[in-house]
Amino acid sequence: MKATNQHKTDSPTQDIARLVHNQKSLLDVMPAMVFIINGFKSIEYMNPSAIRFFGNLVEGESNDRAHSAEDTINSLLLLVRKGQVLKNPSDKHEDKINDHHIEFALAPFLGYRGEQLYWLFLHDLTEEKTHIEELSLFHNSIETILTSKINELKESERVRHSLSLELNHLKDHLKKLPAEGTMVGSSKALGELRDMVFQVAKSDATILITGESGTGKELVANLIRETSNRNEKPFLKINCNTINDSLLESDLFGYEKGAFTGADNKRKGKFEVVDGGTIFLDEIGDISPRMQGALLRVLQDGELIRVGGNTPIKVDVRVIAATNIDLAKAVQAGVFRLDLYYRLNIINISIPPLRQRKEDIVDLVTHFIRRYRTAFKKDINFLPQSIIERLLNHDWPGNVRELENVIQRAVLMAKGNIITENELLFDQQAEEKHVYPSMSYLQRLDGLPLKGKIAELEREIILHSLEKNRGNVAMTAQDLQLGKTAFYDKLKRYDITPKELK
């Protein structure tokens, strides 16, 4: 009761002070920015939210580096003018102040002196607007992507429908393809090659298979062995280009105990292991002069001597050799023994490149489709005429191996039962050499130290010689008058792979 009586006896001044204090406490905690504007002249009050956002404009301070306090005050006063002409200024409206999207409402009232004042309430919408714009961009991007994908699918379907009306080259060929491992094709050249293989396979004569890389020399060697009298005897394949000379010699001819560091026991070589059978020596043109002499002994006398040994060992091995270089030219260059060449070249089976027997392409394509549709579990059963024409028009520098790569990739990428232009990607050819019509070679080396210029020149010379000799290391080393060990060191230093230049 005392408190109530005391409250009733408060003076009008105290009541006003209490009301002002309560109002200030309410404005201090409001998240909205609140201003009191004196007509169109000045800002009389800002609550803490407004000061944090704009700075204390009443005292002439601004938080915005791009705009002064005066600029911001003028913008706020202009906002009041705009609000005055609105039909319902106390409703929420949107505008911009200093590049900020804001929402505002205006409420007029009279000051205690009778002056016209305004409550101005602001809410910053900038972040919200940014999010809305980002969402809009995102939705537009998704729409664009979906539209693009739908158009792609429509175009793909159109192409497939168009191709499905063409002649199907798989329809009959899939029924009459030969078994795996046989020579595929019906050209006259391949027929003569088969006849040659069957004619010489039963003999024990040494055979030299020649042809470009990727023509199928190993397949011919397999066919010779399978139709020979040694078809149930051992058969080994050696790639002479992948093993260095010393290892190749010990691998082929074996070694005696103590022949070199690590030779703790004697070991038979491949020729002894395969005794009575057949050995296939691929890339024969790359073996060293020492290896050539050892191989000549086996072919001529039917005997070998292990590394570190002195005793000849008799062996009965049929040799099938293969190369993609011209051994006759290698003999002329002095990097291949003439007597070994004669021993190897008793029977020469030359495989024509694919560009010379394009009649076999359809058979080969069908053969590879059958192989890879099974491997990839793809139901490819349609090969249009337009695809066949593209395959026939290609030169096939990589021969059958390149064709197999192209078809394997096409089957893997096919989206339905048909191969289209989209899946037909030919192997990347060697990069075109840069042409500098107005710049000399030395000018292109500007900026390199002398040592770097010499190294670059040496690398170019080695590459040029290797290309001229179709990647043959022995012939290139001979041309450059370098020992093979020194030449291999340079190949390693310049990161040059001879096999890529074959």
Protein backbone atom coordinates (compact mmCIF):
# COMPACT_ATOMS: atom_id res chain seq x y z
CA MET A 1 0.00 0.00 0.00
CA LYS A 2 2.88 2.28 0.78
CA ALA A 3 4.42 1.67 -2.60
CA THR A 4 1.11 2.38 -4.28
CA ASN A 5 0.59 5.55 -2.33
CA GLN A 6 4.14 6.65 -3.14
CA HIS A 7 3.51 6.00 -6.87
CA LYS A 8 0.39 8.11 -6.74
CA THR A 9 2.26 11.01 -5.24
CA ASP A 10 4.98 11.04 -8.03
CA SER A 11 5.23 14.38 -9.83
CA PRO A 12 4.46 14.75 -13.59
CA THR A 13 8.18 15.26 -14.22
CA GLN A 14 8.99 11.92 -12.63
CA ASP A 15 6.26 10.23 -14.66
CA ILE A 16 7.70 11.62 -17.89
CA ALA A 17 11.22 10.58 -16.89
CA ARG A 18 10.01 7.05 -16.18
CA LEU A 19 8.20 6.84 -19.52
CA VAL A 20 11.27 8.12 -21.37
CA HIS A 21 13.46 5.55 -19.57
CA ASN A 22 11.09 2.70 -20.45
CA GLN A 23 10.92 3.83 -24.07
CA LYS A 24 14.73 4.02 -24.31
CA SER A 25 15.09 0.53 -22.80
CA LEU A 26 12.67 -0.84 -25.39
CA LEU A 27 14.41 0.89 -28.32
CA ASP A 28 17.85 -0.28 -27.12
CA VAL A 29 16.93 -3.96 -27.40
CA MET A 30 14.99 -3.74 -30.69
CA PRO A 31 16.80 -5.56 -33.57
CA ALA A 32 15.26 -3.16 -36.09
CA MET A 33 17.04 0.12 -36.82
CA VAL A 34 15.01 3.03 -35.39
CA PHE A 35 15.46 6.72 -36.16
CA ILE A 36 13.69 9.89 -35.10
CA ILE A 37 13.78 12.34 -38.00
CA ASN A 38 13.09 16.05 -37.49
CA GLY A 39 10.98 16.92 -40.52
CA PHE A 40 13.34 16.89 -43.48
CA LYS A 41 16.19 18.59 -41.60
CA SER A 42 18.13 16.26 -39.33
CA ILE A 43 18.35 13.01 -37.44
CA GLU A 44 17.52 13.48 -33.78
CA TYR A 45 17.89 9.92 -32.49
CA MET A 46 19.32 6.52 -33.50
CA ASN A 47 18.91 3.32 -31.52
CA PRO A 48 21.99 1.03 -30.99
CA SER A 49 21.04 -1.22 -33.98
CA ALA A 50 21.04 1.80 -36.29
CA ILE A 51 24.37 3.11 -34.89
CA ARG A 52 26.02 -0.32 -35.38
CA PHE A 53 24.90 -0.39 -39.00
CA PHE A 54 25.42 3.24 -40.15
CA GLY A 55 27.63 4.76 -37.45
CA ASN A 56 26.55 7.59 -35.17
CA LEU A 57 25.11 9.97 -37.75
CA VAL A 58 23.86 12.33 -35.03
CA GLU A 59 27.52 13.04 -34.20
CA GLY A 60 28.60 12.96 -37.87
CA GLU A 61 30.30 9.50 -37.79
CA SER A 62 29.92 6.93 -40.60
CA ASN A 63 30.69 3.19 -40.73
CA ASP A 64 30.58 3.18 -44.52
CA ARG A 65 33.95 4.00 -46.11
CA ALA A 66 32.33 4.53 -49.50
CA HIS A 67 29.83 7.07 -48.18
CA SER A 68 30.25 9.97 -45.73
CA ALA A 69 27.87 10.63 -42.82
CA GLU A 70 26.41 13.54 -44.79
CA ASP A 71 25.64 11.27 -47.79
CA THR A 72 23.89 8.74 -45.57
CA ILE A 73 21.86 11.42 -43.73
CA ASN A 74 20.70 12.86 -47.06
CA SER A 75 19.68 9.37 -48.22
CA LEU A 76 17.65 8.82 -45.03
CA LEU A 77 15.96 12.23 -45.31
CA LEU A 78 15.12 11.45 -48.96
CA LEU A 79 13.62 8.15 -47.78
CA VAL A 80 11.30 10.13 -45.45
CA ARG A 81 10.22 12.32 -48.38
CA LYS A 82 9.47 9.19 -50.44
CA GLY A 83 7.53 7.68 -47.52
CA GLN A 84 5.40 10.79 -47.18
CA VAL A 85 3.94 10.44 -50.66
CA LEU A 86 3.12 6.77 -50.17
CA LYS A 87 -0.50 5.89 -49.62
CA ASN A 88 0.26 3.93 -46.45
CA PRO A 89 3.71 5.02 -45.22
CA SER A 90 3.39 2.89 -42.09
CA ASP A 91 3.30 -0.26 -44.29
CA LYS A 92 6.57 -2.00 -45.15
CA HIS A 93 8.26 -0.77 -48.34
CA GLU A 94 11.59 -1.56 -50.02
CA ASP A 95 14.33 0.77 -51.25
CA LYS A 96 18.13 1.11 -51.41
CA ILE A 97 20.51 3.16 -49.25
CA ASN A 98 24.25 3.17 -49.98
CA ASP A 99 23.98 -0.06 -52.03
CA HIS A 100 22.06 -1.79 -49.21
CA HIS A 101 18.64 -3.28 -49.81
CA ILE A 102 16.41 -2.09 -46.97
CA GLU A 103 12.83 -2.45 -45.85
CA PHE A 104 11.32 0.65 -44.18
CA ALA A 105 8.20 1.98 -42.50
CA LEU A 106 7.38 5.58 -41.53
CA ALA A 107 5.25 6.88 -38.63
CA PRO A 108 4.70 10.66 -38.16
CA PHE A 109 4.14 12.23 -34.73
CA LEU A 110 4.31 15.68 -33.06
CA GLY A 111 7.10 16.62 -30.70
CA TYR A 112 6.42 18.25 -27.33
CA ARG A 113 7.15 21.61 -28.97
CA GLY A 114 4.69 20.93 -31.73
CA GLU A 115 7.34 20.15 -34.41
CA GLN A 116 6.73 17.47 -37.05
CA LEU A 117 8.78 14.35 -36.26
CA TYR A 118 8.93 10.87 -37.83
CA TRP A 119 9.69 7.42 -36.57
CA LEU A 120 11.70 5.65 -39.28
CA PHE A 121 12.08 1.88 -38.93
CA LEU A 122 14.66 0.08 -41.15
CA HIS A 123 15.51 -3.58 -41.70
CA ASP A 124 18.56 -4.66 -43.82
CA LEU A 125 17.55 -7.06 -46.62
CA THR A 126 20.93 -7.15 -48.40
CA GLU A 127 21.99 -10.64 -47.28
CA GLU A 128 18.52 -12.04 -47.88
CA LYS A 129 18.44 -10.52 -51.37
CA THR A 130 21.90 -11.95 -52.13
CA HIS A 131 20.73 -15.42 -51.09
CA ILE A 132 17.63 -15.08 -53.25
CA GLU A 133 19.75 -14.02 -56.25
CA GLU A 134 22.18 -16.90 -55.68
CA LEU A 135 19.29 -19.34 -55.46
CA SER A 136 17.83 -17.90 -58.63
CA LEU A 137 21.18 -18.25 -60.43
CA PHE A 138 21.51 -21.80 -59.11
CA HIS A 139 18.03 -22.74 -60.32
CA ASN A 140 18.74 -21.10 -63.69
CA SER A 141 22.03 -23.03 -63.96
CA ILE A 142 20.32 -26.31 -63.09
CA GLU A 143 17.63 -25.50 -65.64
CA THR A 144 20.25 -24.72 -68.28
CA ILE A 145 22.15 -27.94 -67.56
CA LEU A 146 18.97 -30.02 -67.62
CA THR A 147 17.84 -28.37 -70.84
CA SER A 148 21.25 -29.03 -72.39
CA LYS A 149 21.24 -32.68 -71.29
CA ILE A 150 17.68 -33.16 -72.55
CA ASN A 151 18.69 -31.68 -75.92
CA GLU A 152 21.75 -33.96 -76.01
CA LEU A 153 19.57 -36.98 -75.31
CA LYS A 154 17.11 -35.91 -78.00
CA GLU A 155 19.95 -35.43 -80.50
CA SER A 156 21.48 -38.77 -79.50
CA GLU A 157 18.13 -40.46 -79.95
CA ARG A 158 17.72 -38.75 -83.33
CA VAL A 159 21.15 -39.99 -84.43
CA ARG A 160 20.44 -43.50 -83.20
CA HIS A 161 17.13 -43.56 -85.02
CA SER A 162 18.82 -42.32 -88.20
CA LEU A 163 21.59 -44.93 -87.91
CA SER A 164 19.11 -47.70 -87.20
CA LEU A 165 17.68 -47.19 -90.70
CA GLU A 166 21.08 -47.96 -92.26
CA LEU A 167 22.46 -51.32 -93.36
CA ASN A 168 23.52 -53.42 -90.37
CA HIS A 169 26.97 -54.93 -90.92
CA LEU A 170 26.79 -57.09 -87.81
CA LYS A 171 23.69 -59.04 -88.73
CA ASP A 172 25.35 -61.77 -90.80
CA HIS A 173 28.99 -61.40 -89.74
CA LEU A 174 28.37 -62.35 -86.12
CA LYS A 175 27.16 -65.77 -87.24
CA LYS A 176 30.20 -66.76 -89.27
CA LEU A 177 33.18 -65.32 -87.42
CA PRO A 178 36.22 -67.55 -86.85
CA ALA A 179 37.24 -68.67 -83.38
CA GLU A 180 39.47 -66.63 -81.09
CA GLY A 181 43.21 -66.78 -81.82
CA THR A 182 42.85 -67.28 -85.57
CA MET A 183 43.76 -64.84 -88.32
CA VAL A 184 40.65 -62.81 -89.07
CA GLY A 185 39.98 -61.54 -92.57
CA SER A 186 38.99 -62.61 -96.06
CA SER A 187 41.29 -60.51 -98.23
CA LYS A 188 43.45 -62.05 -100.93
CA ALA A 189 46.61 -60.88 -99.11
CA LEU A 190 45.55 -62.59 -95.88
CA GLY A 191 44.58 -65.74 -97.77
CA GLU A 192 48.08 -65.92 -99.30
CA LEU A 193 49.56 -65.34 -95.86
CA ARG A 194 47.56 -68.24 -94.40
CA ASP A 195 48.65 -70.51 -97.25
CA MET A 196 52.27 -69.57 -96.62
CA VAL A 197 51.95 -70.34 -92.90
CA PHE A 198 50.38 -73.77 -93.49
CA GLN A 199 52.99 -74.56 -96.13
CA VAL A 200 56.02 -73.88 -93.90
CA ALA A 201 54.66 -74.73 -90.45
CA LYS A 202 55.42 -78.48 -90.62
CA SER A 203 59.09 -77.94 -91.38
CA ASP A 204 61.67 -77.06 -88.72
CA ALA A 205 63.09 -74.17 -90.73
CA THR A 206 63.77 -70.85 -89.02
CA ILE A 207 61.14 -68.28 -89.92
CA LEU A 208 61.44 -64.47 -89.98
CA ILE A 209 58.14 -62.58 -89.68
CA THR A 210 58.31 -58.96 -90.84
CA GLY A 211 55.74 -56.19 -90.84
CA GLU A 212 54.83 -52.89 -89.29
CA SER A 213 54.06 -52.59 -85.60
CA GLY A 214 50.55 -53.76 -84.76
CA THR A 215 50.06 -56.03 -87.79
CA GLY A 216 49.86 -59.22 -85.72
CA LYS A 217 53.30 -60.83 -85.94
CA GLU A 218 52.80 -62.68 -82.66
CA LEU A 219 49.49 -64.09 -83.92
CA VAL A 220 51.29 -65.49 -86.99
CA ALA A 221 53.96 -67.02 -84.74
CA ASN A 222 51.22 -68.67 -82.67
CA LEU A 223 49.58 -70.07 -85.79
CA ILE A 224 52.90 -71.47 -87.07
CA ARG A 225 53.56 -73.22 -83.78
CA GLU A 226 50.00 -74.60 -83.46
CA THR A 227 50.10 -76.15 -86.96
CA SER A 228 53.69 -77.44 -86.63
CA ASN A 229 54.92 -80.84 -85.53
CA ARG A 230 56.08 -79.24 -82.26
CA ASN A 231 52.63 -78.03 -81.22
CA GLU A 232 52.65 -80.14 -78.04
CA LYS A 233 56.21 -79.17 -77.10
CA PRO A 234 57.24 -76.09 -75.05
CA PHE A 235 56.70 -72.65 -76.57
CA LEU A 236 58.30 -69.47 -75.18
CA LYS A 237 58.04 -65.85 -76.30
CA ILE A 238 60.81 -63.31 -75.70
CA ASN A 239 60.67 -59.59 -76.50
CA CYS A 240 64.32 -58.72 -77.14
CA ASN A 241 63.65 -54.99 -76.87
CA THR A 242 62.49 -55.07 -73.25
CA ILE A 243 65.59 -56.74 -71.73
CA ASN A 244 69.11 -55.25 -71.73
CA ASP A 245 71.92 -57.17 -73.41
CA SER A 246 73.56 -58.82 -70.39
CA LEU A 247 70.27 -59.98 -68.89
CA LEU A 248 68.98 -61.16 -72.27
CA GLU A 249 72.09 -63.28 -72.86
CA SER A 250 71.88 -65.00 -69.45
CA ASP A 251 68.10 -65.37 -69.84
CA LEU A 252 68.36 -67.08 -73.25
CA PHE A 253 71.54 -69.11 -72.78
CA GLY A 254 71.77 -69.58 -69.01
CA TYR A 255 74.83 -69.09 -66.82
CA GLU A 256 77.37 -71.02 -64.78
CA LYS A 257 77.89 -70.63 -61.05
CA GLY A 258 80.11 -67.62 -60.34
CA ALA A 259 79.67 -66.16 -63.84
CA PHE A 260 78.77 -62.79 -62.29
CA THR A 261 77.84 -61.30 -58.95
CA GLY A 262 74.75 -63.07 -57.66
CA ALA A 263 75.24 -66.19 -59.79
CA ASP A 264 75.26 -68.57 -56.80
CA ASN A 265 74.16 -71.57 -58.85
CA LYS A 266 74.23 -72.52 -62.50
CA ARG A 267 70.99 -71.93 -64.34
CA LYS A 268 69.52 -73.14 -67.60
CA GLY A 269 68.52 -70.55 -70.15
CA LYS A 270 65.32 -70.39 -72.17
CA PHE A 271 66.83 -72.32 -75.07
CA GLU A 272 67.58 -75.29 -72.81
CA VAL A 273 64.20 -75.09 -71.09
CA VAL A 274 62.36 -75.10 -74.42
CA ASP A 275 64.55 -77.88 -75.91
CA GLY A 276 62.46 -79.80 -78.46
CA GLY A 277 59.97 -76.96 -78.75
CA THR A 278 59.72 -73.48 -80.27
CA ILE A 279 60.99 -70.07 -79.21
CA PHE A 280 59.64 -66.78 -80.55
CA LEU A 281 62.12 -63.88 -80.54
CA ASP A 282 60.24 -60.63 -81.10
CA GLU A 283 62.08 -57.39 -81.99
CA ILE A 284 65.10 -59.42 -83.13
CA GLY A 285 66.58 -56.37 -84.86
CA ASP A 286 67.42 -54.77 -81.51
CA ILE A 287 69.85 -57.37 -80.16
CA SER A 288 73.54 -56.49 -79.67
CA PRO A 289 76.43 -57.79 -81.85
CA ARG A 290 77.47 -60.13 -79.02
CA MET A 291 73.96 -61.57 -78.82
CA GLN A 292 73.88 -61.88 -82.60
CA GLY A 293 76.99 -64.08 -82.48
CA ALA A 294 75.55 -66.28 -79.72
CA LEU A 295 72.25 -66.67 -81.59
CA LEU A 296 74.09 -67.50 -84.83
CA ARG A 297 75.81 -70.39 -83.04
CA VAL A 298 72.43 -71.82 -81.98
CA LEU A 299 70.97 -71.51 -85.50
CA GLN A 300 74.07 -72.75 -87.28
CA ASP A 301 75.34 -75.51 -84.99
CA GLY A 302 72.39 -76.22 -82.71
CA GLU A 303 74.47 -75.46 -79.61
CA LEU A 304 74.94 -72.75 -77.04
CA ILE A 305 77.45 -71.80 -74.35
CA ARG A 306 76.21 -70.55 -70.99
CA VAL A 307 77.46 -67.21 -69.67
CA GLY A 308 80.69 -67.92 -67.78
CA GLY A 309 81.01 -71.38 -69.32
CA ASN A 310 83.16 -73.01 -71.99
CA THR A 311 81.30 -76.21 -72.80
CA PRO A 312 78.92 -76.22 -75.79
CA ILE A 313 75.43 -77.56 -75.02
CA LYS A 314 73.37 -79.14 -77.80
CA VAL A 315 69.76 -77.95 -78.16
CA ASP A 316 66.96 -78.69 -80.60
CA VAL A 317 64.86 -75.55 -80.82
CA ARG A 318 62.89 -74.09 -83.67
CA VAL A 319 63.34 -70.32 -83.86
CA ILE A 320 60.64 -67.94 -85.07
CA ALA A 321 61.87 -64.34 -85.15
CA ALA A 322 60.00 -61.10 -85.81
CA THR A 323 60.94 -57.49 -86.48
CA ASN A 324 59.37 -54.29 -87.75
CA ILE A 325 62.64 -52.85 -89.06
CA ASP A 326 64.35 -53.49 -92.40
CA LEU A 327 67.12 -55.95 -91.50
CA ALA A 328 68.67 -55.62 -94.96
CA LYS A 329 69.25 -51.92 -94.28
CA ALA A 330 70.55 -52.75 -90.81
CA VAL A 331 73.09 -55.07 -92.45
CA GLN A 332 74.13 -52.29 -94.84
CA ALA A 333 74.50 -49.92 -91.87
CA GLY A 334 76.80 -52.45 -90.20
CA VAL A 335 74.65 -52.97 -87.11
CA PHE A 336 73.34 -56.43 -87.99
CA ARG A 337 75.39 -59.45 -89.02
CA LEU A 338 74.94 -60.57 -92.58
CA ASP A 339 75.46 -64.27 -91.73
CA LEU A 340 72.77 -64.07 -89.01
CA TYR A 341 70.44 -62.29 -91.41
CA TYR A 342 70.78 -65.17 -93.89
CA ARG A 343 70.16 -67.73 -91.14
CA LEU A 344 67.03 -65.94 -89.94
CA ASN A 345 65.69 -65.12 -93.38
CA ILE A 346 65.44 -68.69 -94.70
CA ILE A 347 61.67 -68.25 -94.83
CA ASN A 348 60.29 -64.73 -94.69
CA ILE A 349 56.63 -64.15 -93.93
CA SER A 350 55.76 -60.52 -94.59
CA ILE A 351 52.50 -59.24 -93.08
CA PRO A 352 50.91 -56.45 -95.14
CA PRO A 353 49.73 -53.39 -93.20
CA LEU A 354 46.00 -52.94 -92.63
CA ARG A 355 45.78 -50.03 -95.10
CA GLN A 356 46.75 -52.49 -97.87
CA ARG A 357 44.05 -55.00 -96.97
CA LYS A 358 41.03 -52.90 -96.04
CA GLU A 359 38.74 -55.75 -97.15
CA ASP A 360 39.54 -57.31 -93.74
CA ILE A 361 38.33 -54.32 -91.71
CA VAL A 362 34.67 -55.37 -91.51
CA ASP A 363 35.64 -58.89 -90.40
CA LEU A 364 38.08 -57.51 -87.82
CA VAL A 365 35.60 -54.94 -86.49
CA THR A 366 32.92 -57.60 -86.09
CA HIS A 367 35.43 -59.89 -84.40
CA PHE A 368 36.44 -57.22 -81.87
CA ILE A 369 32.82 -56.19 -81.22
CA ARG A 370 31.96 -59.81 -80.42
CA ARG A 371 34.95 -60.05 -78.08
CA TYR A 372 34.33 -56.82 -76.16
CA ARG A 373 30.55 -56.91 -76.00
CA THR A 374 31.00 -60.18 -74.10
CA ALA A 375 33.78 -58.74 -71.93
CA PHE A 376 31.84 -55.54 -71.11
CA LYS A 377 28.40 -57.21 -71.07
CA LYS A 378 27.08 -54.84 -73.76
CA ASP A 379 24.30 -55.84 -76.17
CA ILE A 380 25.87 -54.30 -79.29
CA ASN A 381 24.11 -55.77 -82.32
CA PHE A 382 24.05 -52.91 -84.83
CA LEU A 383 26.91 -51.46 -86.88
CA PRO A 384 25.72 -48.75 -89.35
CA GLN A 385 27.10 -48.23 -92.85
CA SER A 386 28.29 -44.69 -92.03
CA ILE A 387 30.52 -46.03 -89.22
CA ILE A 388 31.98 -48.67 -91.56
CA GLU A 389 32.77 -45.95 -94.11
CA ARG A 390 34.65 -43.93 -91.50
CA LEU A 391 36.66 -46.99 -90.50
CA LEU A 392 37.46 -47.77 -94.14
CA ASN A 393 38.60 -44.18 -94.81
CA HIS A 394 41.08 -44.19 -91.91
CA ASP A 395 44.76 -44.96 -92.73
CA TRP A 396 45.39 -47.10 -89.60
CA PRO A 397 49.04 -46.22 -88.91
CA GLY A 398 48.80 -48.46 -85.82
CA ASN A 399 47.33 -51.29 -87.92
CA VAL A 400 45.18 -54.01 -86.31
CA ARG A 401 46.24 -53.02 -82.79
CA GLU A 402 44.92 -49.49 -83.35
CA LEU A 403 41.66 -50.84 -84.82
CA GLU A 404 41.18 -53.06 -81.78
CA ASN A 405 41.72 -50.09 -79.45
CA VAL A 406 39.14 -48.00 -81.33
CA ILE A 407 36.50 -50.76 -81.23
CA GLN A 408 37.19 -51.64 -77.60
CA ARG A 409 36.68 -48.01 -76.61
CA ALA A 410 33.53 -47.69 -78.76
CA VAL A 411 31.90 -50.78 -77.24
CA LEU A 412 32.75 -49.63 -73.72
CA MET A 413 31.28 -46.13 -74.31
CA ALA A 414 28.19 -47.22 -76.27
CA LYS A 415 24.93 -46.25 -74.54
CA GLY A 416 22.67 -48.67 -76.37
CA ASN A 417 22.84 -51.48 -78.87
CA ILE A 418 24.42 -49.35 -81.60
CA ILE A 419 27.82 -47.70 -82.14
CA THR A 420 27.51 -44.03 -83.18
CA GLU A 421 29.90 -41.27 -84.24
CA ASN A 422 30.13 -40.17 -80.59
CA GLU A 423 31.81 -43.42 -79.58
CA LEU A 424 34.15 -43.64 -82.59
CA LEU A 425 37.33 -41.98 -81.32
CA PHE A 426 40.53 -42.65 -83.23
CA ASP A 427 43.85 -42.97 -81.43
CA GLN A 428 45.75 -39.71 -80.95
CA GLN A 429 48.43 -39.42 -83.59
CA ALA A 430 51.92 -38.10 -82.89
CA GLU A 431 51.79 -34.42 -82.07
CA GLU A 432 52.33 -32.12 -84.98
CA LYS A 433 55.73 -30.53 -84.98
CA HIS A 434 55.70 -26.81 -84.23
CA VAL A 435 56.61 -24.64 -87.17
CA TYR A 436 58.44 -21.37 -86.61
CA PRO A 437 58.64 -19.83 -90.09
CA SER A 438 60.26 -16.60 -88.99
CA MET A 439 62.38 -17.91 -86.13
CA SER A 440 65.66 -19.82 -86.36
CA TYR A 441 66.39 -22.84 -84.18
CA LEU A 442 68.94 -20.85 -82.14
CA GLN A 443 66.43 -18.04 -81.60
CA ARG A 444 64.04 -20.56 -80.08
CA LEU A 445 66.74 -21.48 -77.55
CA ASP A 446 67.17 -17.89 -76.39
CA GLY A 447 67.14 -17.62 -72.61
CA LEU A 448 68.77 -21.03 -72.03
CA PRO A 449 72.33 -21.27 -70.73
CA LEU A 450 74.96 -22.72 -73.09
CA LYS A 451 74.75 -26.12 -71.38
CA GLY A 452 70.96 -26.15 -71.84
CA LYS A 453 71.22 -25.20 -75.51
CA ILE A 454 73.72 -27.99 -76.19
CA ALA A 455 71.52 -30.51 -74.35
CA GLU A 456 68.44 -29.47 -76.32
CA LEU A 457 70.36 -29.74 -79.60
CA GLU A 458 71.70 -33.20 -78.63
CA ARG A 459 68.17 -34.37 -77.77
CA GLU A 460 66.85 -33.21 -81.16
CA ILE A 461 69.68 -35.02 -82.98
CA ILE A 462 68.98 -38.28 -81.11
CA LEU A 463 65.23 -38.03 -81.80
CA HIS A 464 65.85 -37.32 -85.49
CA SER A 465 68.16 -40.34 -85.81
CA LEU A 466 65.75 -42.62 -83.95
CA GLU A 467 62.86 -41.55 -86.18
CA LYS A 468 64.99 -42.16 -89.27
CA ASN A 469 65.82 -45.68 -88.00
CA ARG A 470 62.23 -46.33 -86.85
CA GLY A 471 63.24 -46.60 -83.20
CA ASN A 472 66.06 -49.10 -83.71
CA VAL A 473 68.56 -48.44 -80.92
CA ALA A 474 71.47 -50.39 -82.41
CA MET A 475 71.29 -48.69 -85.79
CA THR A 476 70.90 -45.23 -84.22
CA ALA A 477 73.87 -45.75 -81.90
CA GLN A 478 75.90 -46.87 -84.93
CA ASP A 479 74.85 -43.79 -86.94
CA LEU A 480 75.85 -41.48 -84.06
CA GLN A 481 79.07 -43.48 -83.43
CA LEU A 482 78.16 -44.05 -79.79
CA GLY A 483 78.51 -47.15 -77.64
CA LYS A 484 75.17 -48.72 -76.63
CA THR A 485 75.79 -48.07 -72.92
CA ALA A 486 76.52 -44.38 -73.53
CA PHE A 487 73.54 -44.16 -75.87
CA TYR A 488 71.16 -45.72 -73.30
CA ASP A 489 72.44 -43.21 -70.73
CA LYS A 490 71.50 -40.36 -73.05
CA LEU A 491 68.06 -41.86 -73.72
CA LYS A 492 67.44 -42.02 -69.99
CA ARG A 493 68.74 -38.48 -69.44
CA TYR A 494 66.44 -36.99 -72.12
CA ASP A 495 63.47 -39.27 -71.26
CA ILE A 496 63.31 -40.72 -74.79
CA THR A 497 61.50 -44.04 -75.36
CA PRO A 498 62.61 -45.72 -78.63
CA LYS A 499 59.57 -48.02 -78.72
CA GLU A 500 57.28 -45.01 -79.19
CA LEU A 501 59.15 -44.12 -82.39
CA LYS A 502 58.89 -47.56 -83.97
